Amino acid sequence: MDKWRIKKGDTVQVIAGEDKGAKGEILCVLRKERRVVVKGVNVCVKHRKPSAERPGGLEKIEKSIHASNVMLVDSSDDRPTRVGMKVVDGKKVRFSKRTGSLIV
């Protein structure tokens, strides 16, 4: 089992690829494929046919990127950091390896 240090709702920064430097929130985590969907990153245009629910036309959607290409952003100073795990009061919590602060 792989260790996942990031989860849905976290703010991350892209560290490699076409969108390098972009920041966004994780919308979805695909654990089996080891990929994440980040808001505003790897956006492509999809042509949709009209249906009863929607008018159709061009639709912008975010596609997934590999989890190794993103790094969690520390909320205290808005810079990317590595994530560690430690036990506090009998619970496993994440912490920033750069600043040492807990990630909530």
N, C-alpha and C. Protein backbone atom coordinates (compact mmCIF):
# COMPACT_ATOMS: atom_id res chain seq x y z
N MET A 1 0.85 -1.19 0.00
CA MET A 1 0.00 0.00 0.00
C MET A 1 0.89 1.24 0.00
N ASP A 2 0.63 2.13 -0.91
CA ASP A 2 1.38 3.37 -0.99
C ASP A 2 0.93 4.33 0.10
N LYS A 3 1.85 5.19 0.52
CA LYS A 3 1.53 6.20 1.51
C LYS A 3 1.12 7.47 0.79
N TRP A 4 -0.05 7.98 1.11
CA TRP A 4 -0.56 9.21 0.51
C TRP A 4 -0.48 10.32 1.54
N ARG A 5 0.25 11.34 1.21
CA ARG A 5 0.42 12.47 2.14
C ARG A 5 -0.44 13.66 1.73
N ILE A 6 -1.12 13.55 0.59
CA ILE A 6 -2.02 14.62 0.16
C ILE A 6 -3.42 14.04 0.02
N LYS A 7 -4.44 14.90 0.16
CA LYS A 7 -5.81 14.42 0.07
C LYS A 7 -6.70 15.50 -0.53
N LYS A 8 -7.93 15.15 -0.80
CA LYS A 8 -8.89 16.05 -1.41
C LYS A 8 -9.05 17.31 -0.54
N GLY A 9 -9.05 18.47 -1.18
CA GLY A 9 -9.21 19.73 -0.47
C GLY A 9 -7.90 20.44 -0.16
N ASP A 10 -6.77 19.73 -0.27
CA ASP A 10 -5.47 20.35 -0.03
C ASP A 10 -5.10 21.30 -1.17
N THR A 11 -4.36 22.34 -0.85
CA THR A 11 -3.82 23.23 -1.86
C THR A 11 -2.43 22.75 -2.22
N VAL A 12 -2.20 22.56 -3.52
CA VAL A 12 -0.93 22.04 -3.99
C VAL A 12 -0.35 22.95 -5.07
N GLN A 13 0.95 22.79 -5.31
CA GLN A 13 1.63 23.50 -6.39
C GLN A 13 2.22 22.46 -7.33
N VAL A 14 2.08 22.70 -8.64
CA VAL A 14 2.63 21.79 -9.64
C VAL A 14 4.13 22.06 -9.74
N ILE A 15 4.95 20.99 -9.62
CA ILE A 15 6.40 21.15 -9.62
C ILE A 15 7.05 20.66 -10.90
N ALA A 16 6.27 20.04 -11.80
CA ALA A 16 6.82 19.55 -13.06
C ALA A 16 5.73 19.50 -14.11
N GLY A 17 6.12 19.67 -15.36
CA GLY A 17 5.18 19.57 -16.46
C GLY A 17 4.81 20.91 -17.05
N GLU A 18 3.81 20.89 -17.90
CA GLU A 18 3.39 22.07 -18.64
C GLU A 18 2.89 23.20 -17.74
N ASP A 19 2.21 22.84 -16.66
CA ASP A 19 1.62 23.83 -15.74
C ASP A 19 2.50 24.08 -14.52
N LYS A 20 3.80 23.94 -14.65
CA LYS A 20 4.73 24.10 -13.52
C LYS A 20 4.55 25.47 -12.88
N GLY A 21 4.45 25.48 -11.55
CA GLY A 21 4.28 26.72 -10.81
C GLY A 21 2.85 27.06 -10.48
N ALA A 22 1.89 26.40 -11.13
CA ALA A 22 0.48 26.69 -10.89
C ALA A 22 0.04 26.11 -9.54
N LYS A 23 -0.85 26.85 -8.85
CA LYS A 23 -1.39 26.39 -7.58
C LYS A 23 -2.87 26.15 -7.74
N GLY A 24 -3.38 25.18 -7.01
CA GLY A 24 -4.81 24.88 -7.05
C GLY A 24 -5.20 23.89 -5.98
N GLU A 25 -6.50 23.70 -5.85
CA GLU A 25 -7.05 22.78 -4.85
C GLU A 25 -7.27 21.41 -5.49
N ILE A 26 -7.01 20.37 -4.73
CA ILE A 26 -7.23 19.01 -5.22
C ILE A 26 -8.73 18.72 -5.21
N LEU A 27 -9.27 18.39 -6.39
CA LEU A 27 -10.69 18.09 -6.52
C LEU A 27 -10.98 16.60 -6.36
N CYS A 28 -10.02 15.76 -6.78
CA CYS A 28 -10.25 14.32 -6.77
C CYS A 28 -8.91 13.60 -6.68
N VAL A 29 -8.87 12.50 -5.94
CA VAL A 29 -7.66 11.68 -5.82
C VAL A 29 -7.97 10.30 -6.39
N LEU A 30 -7.19 9.89 -7.39
CA LEU A 30 -7.36 8.58 -8.02
C LEU A 30 -6.23 7.69 -7.52
N ARG A 31 -6.46 6.98 -6.44
CA ARG A 31 -5.40 6.23 -5.77
C ARG A 31 -4.84 5.09 -6.62
N LYS A 32 -5.68 4.34 -7.30
CA LYS A 32 -5.19 3.20 -8.08
C LYS A 32 -4.29 3.65 -9.22
N GLU A 33 -4.62 4.77 -9.85
CA GLU A 33 -3.80 5.29 -10.96
C GLU A 33 -2.67 6.19 -10.46
N ARG A 34 -2.67 6.51 -9.16
CA ARG A 34 -1.69 7.41 -8.53
C ARG A 34 -1.72 8.80 -9.19
N ARG A 35 -2.93 9.31 -9.38
CA ARG A 35 -3.10 10.59 -10.04
C ARG A 35 -4.04 11.47 -9.22
N VAL A 36 -3.97 12.79 -9.46
CA VAL A 36 -4.86 13.74 -8.80
C VAL A 36 -5.42 14.71 -9.84
N VAL A 37 -6.61 15.24 -9.55
CA VAL A 37 -7.20 16.28 -10.38
C VAL A 37 -7.12 17.58 -9.60
N VAL A 38 -6.46 18.59 -10.18
CA VAL A 38 -6.24 19.87 -9.51
C VAL A 38 -7.04 20.95 -10.24
N LYS A 39 -7.74 21.79 -9.47
CA LYS A 39 -8.57 22.85 -10.04
C LYS A 39 -7.71 23.84 -10.82
N GLY A 40 -8.05 24.05 -12.09
CA GLY A 40 -7.36 25.03 -12.93
C GLY A 40 -6.06 24.54 -13.55
N VAL A 41 -5.73 23.26 -13.38
CA VAL A 41 -4.48 22.71 -13.91
C VAL A 41 -4.81 21.62 -14.93
N ASN A 42 -4.05 21.57 -16.02
CA ASN A 42 -4.23 20.58 -17.10
C ASN A 42 -5.64 20.65 -17.66
N VAL A 43 -6.07 21.87 -18.00
CA VAL A 43 -7.41 22.10 -18.52
C VAL A 43 -7.43 21.81 -20.02
N CYS A 44 -8.44 21.08 -20.46
CA CYS A 44 -8.60 20.82 -21.88
C CYS A 44 -10.04 21.15 -22.27
N VAL A 45 -10.28 21.28 -23.58
CA VAL A 45 -11.60 21.61 -24.09
C VAL A 45 -12.23 20.34 -24.65
N LYS A 46 -13.44 20.06 -24.23
CA LYS A 46 -14.17 18.88 -24.70
C LYS A 46 -15.40 19.35 -25.47
N HIS A 47 -15.61 18.77 -26.64
CA HIS A 47 -16.78 19.08 -27.45
C HIS A 47 -17.93 18.18 -27.01
N ARG A 48 -19.01 18.79 -26.56
CA ARG A 48 -20.15 18.03 -26.05
C ARG A 48 -21.35 18.16 -27.00
N LYS A 49 -22.04 17.07 -27.20
CA LYS A 49 -23.25 17.06 -27.99
C LYS A 49 -24.41 17.55 -27.12
N PRO A 50 -25.35 18.28 -27.68
CA PRO A 50 -26.49 18.74 -26.87
C PRO A 50 -27.32 17.56 -26.36
N SER A 51 -27.86 17.71 -25.17
CA SER A 51 -28.75 16.71 -24.60
C SER A 51 -29.88 17.42 -23.86
N ALA A 52 -30.73 16.66 -23.24
CA ALA A 52 -31.86 17.26 -22.52
C ALA A 52 -31.40 18.05 -21.30
N GLU A 53 -30.27 17.63 -20.69
CA GLU A 53 -29.79 18.29 -19.48
C GLU A 53 -28.95 19.53 -19.75
N ARG A 54 -28.18 19.52 -20.86
CA ARG A 54 -27.28 20.66 -21.13
C ARG A 54 -27.34 21.03 -22.60
N PRO A 55 -27.01 22.29 -22.90
CA PRO A 55 -27.12 22.75 -24.29
C PRO A 55 -26.03 22.22 -25.22
N GLY A 56 -24.92 21.76 -24.69
CA GLY A 56 -23.83 21.28 -25.54
C GLY A 56 -22.86 22.39 -25.88
N GLY A 57 -21.91 22.10 -26.77
CA GLY A 57 -20.90 23.08 -27.15
C GLY A 57 -19.56 22.73 -26.55
N LEU A 58 -18.72 23.74 -26.32
CA LEU A 58 -17.38 23.54 -25.76
C LEU A 58 -17.45 23.58 -24.24
N GLU A 59 -16.78 22.63 -23.61
CA GLU A 59 -16.76 22.54 -22.15
C GLU A 59 -15.32 22.37 -21.69
N LYS A 60 -14.89 23.20 -20.75
CA LYS A 60 -13.52 23.09 -20.22
C LYS A 60 -13.53 22.17 -19.00
N ILE A 61 -12.65 21.16 -19.02
CA ILE A 61 -12.57 20.23 -17.91
C ILE A 61 -11.11 20.07 -17.50
N GLU A 62 -10.89 19.74 -16.22
CA GLU A 62 -9.55 19.45 -15.71
C GLU A 62 -9.28 17.97 -15.86
N LYS A 63 -8.12 17.63 -16.39
CA LYS A 63 -7.72 16.23 -16.49
C LYS A 63 -6.73 15.94 -15.37
N SER A 64 -6.52 14.67 -15.08
CA SER A 64 -5.66 14.29 -13.97
C SER A 64 -4.19 14.44 -14.32
N ILE A 65 -3.36 14.64 -13.29
CA ILE A 65 -1.90 14.65 -13.45
C ILE A 65 -1.33 13.69 -12.41
N HIS A 66 -0.11 13.26 -12.63
CA HIS A 66 0.50 12.29 -11.72
C HIS A 66 0.76 12.94 -10.37
N ALA A 67 0.56 12.18 -9.30
CA ALA A 67 0.68 12.70 -7.94
C ALA A 67 2.11 13.14 -7.61
N SER A 68 3.11 12.58 -8.30
CA SER A 68 4.49 12.96 -8.03
C SER A 68 4.82 14.35 -8.57
N ASN A 69 3.93 14.90 -9.40
CA ASN A 69 4.17 16.22 -9.98
C ASN A 69 3.56 17.36 -9.17
N VAL A 70 3.01 17.06 -8.00
CA VAL A 70 2.45 18.10 -7.15
C VAL A 70 3.09 18.05 -5.76
N MET A 71 3.10 19.20 -5.11
CA MET A 71 3.68 19.32 -3.78
C MET A 71 2.73 20.17 -2.93
N LEU A 72 2.49 19.73 -1.71
CA LEU A 72 1.57 20.42 -0.82
C LEU A 72 2.09 21.82 -0.49
N VAL A 73 1.18 22.80 -0.45
CA VAL A 73 1.53 24.18 -0.11
C VAL A 73 1.28 24.39 1.37
N ASP A 74 2.30 24.88 2.08
CA ASP A 74 2.18 25.16 3.51
C ASP A 74 1.32 26.41 3.71
N SER A 75 0.28 26.30 4.52
CA SER A 75 -0.66 27.41 4.70
C SER A 75 -0.05 28.59 5.46
N SER A 76 1.01 28.34 6.24
CA SER A 76 1.59 29.42 7.05
C SER A 76 2.35 30.45 6.20
N ASP A 77 3.04 30.00 5.14
CA ASP A 77 3.79 30.97 4.33
C ASP A 77 3.59 30.80 2.82
N ASP A 78 2.62 29.98 2.41
CA ASP A 78 2.23 29.83 1.01
C ASP A 78 3.37 29.36 0.10
N ARG A 79 4.21 28.46 0.62
CA ARG A 79 5.30 27.88 -0.17
C ARG A 79 5.19 26.36 -0.13
N PRO A 80 5.65 25.66 -1.19
CA PRO A 80 5.55 24.20 -1.19
C PRO A 80 6.45 23.55 -0.15
N THR A 81 6.01 22.42 0.38
CA THR A 81 6.76 21.72 1.42
C THR A 81 6.56 20.22 1.29
N ARG A 82 7.50 19.47 1.83
CA ARG A 82 7.31 18.03 1.95
C ARG A 82 6.47 17.76 3.18
N VAL A 83 5.83 16.59 3.21
CA VAL A 83 4.91 16.28 4.29
C VAL A 83 5.43 15.08 5.07
N GLY A 84 5.38 15.19 6.40
CA GLY A 84 5.76 14.08 7.27
C GLY A 84 4.57 13.67 8.12
N MET A 85 4.69 12.51 8.75
CA MET A 85 3.63 12.01 9.63
C MET A 85 4.21 11.78 11.02
N LYS A 86 3.43 12.13 12.04
CA LYS A 86 3.84 11.84 13.41
C LYS A 86 2.61 11.63 14.26
N VAL A 87 2.80 11.05 15.44
CA VAL A 87 1.70 10.75 16.33
C VAL A 87 1.63 11.83 17.41
N VAL A 88 0.45 12.46 17.53
CA VAL A 88 0.20 13.48 18.54
C VAL A 88 -1.08 13.11 19.27
N ASP A 89 -1.00 12.91 20.57
CA ASP A 89 -2.14 12.52 21.41
C ASP A 89 -2.82 11.24 20.89
N GLY A 90 -2.02 10.28 20.44
CA GLY A 90 -2.54 9.00 19.97
C GLY A 90 -3.14 9.03 18.57
N LYS A 91 -3.02 10.17 17.87
CA LYS A 91 -3.56 10.28 16.51
C LYS A 91 -2.42 10.59 15.55
N LYS A 92 -2.51 10.00 14.36
CA LYS A 92 -1.53 10.27 13.31
C LYS A 92 -1.90 11.58 12.63
N VAL A 93 -0.95 12.51 12.58
CA VAL A 93 -1.20 13.81 11.95
C VAL A 93 -0.10 14.12 10.95
N ARG A 94 -0.42 14.98 9.99
CA ARG A 94 0.56 15.42 9.01
C ARG A 94 1.22 16.71 9.49
N PHE A 95 2.50 16.87 9.13
CA PHE A 95 3.18 18.11 9.48
C PHE A 95 4.09 18.54 8.34
N SER A 96 4.38 19.83 8.29
CA SER A 96 5.26 20.40 7.28
C SER A 96 6.70 20.16 7.67
N LYS A 97 7.48 19.54 6.77
CA LYS A 97 8.87 19.26 7.09
C LYS A 97 9.72 20.53 7.05
N ARG A 98 9.27 21.55 6.35
CA ARG A 98 10.06 22.79 6.26
C ARG A 98 9.88 23.67 7.49
N THR A 99 8.63 23.81 7.96
CA THR A 99 8.37 24.68 9.10
C THR A 99 8.10 23.91 10.39
N GLY A 100 7.70 22.65 10.29
CA GLY A 100 7.38 21.86 11.46
C GLY A 100 5.97 22.04 11.97
N SER A 101 5.17 22.90 11.31
CA SER A 101 3.80 23.14 11.77
C SER A 101 2.87 22.02 11.31
N LEU A 102 1.81 21.80 12.09
CA LEU A 102 0.83 20.76 11.78
C LEU A 102 -0.03 21.20 10.60
N ILE A 103 -0.40 20.24 9.77
CA ILE A 103 -1.30 20.50 8.64
C ILE A 103 -2.67 20.00 9.02
N VAL A 104 -3.63 20.91 9.02
CA VAL A 104 -4.99 20.56 9.45
C VAL A 104 -5.82 20.14 8.27
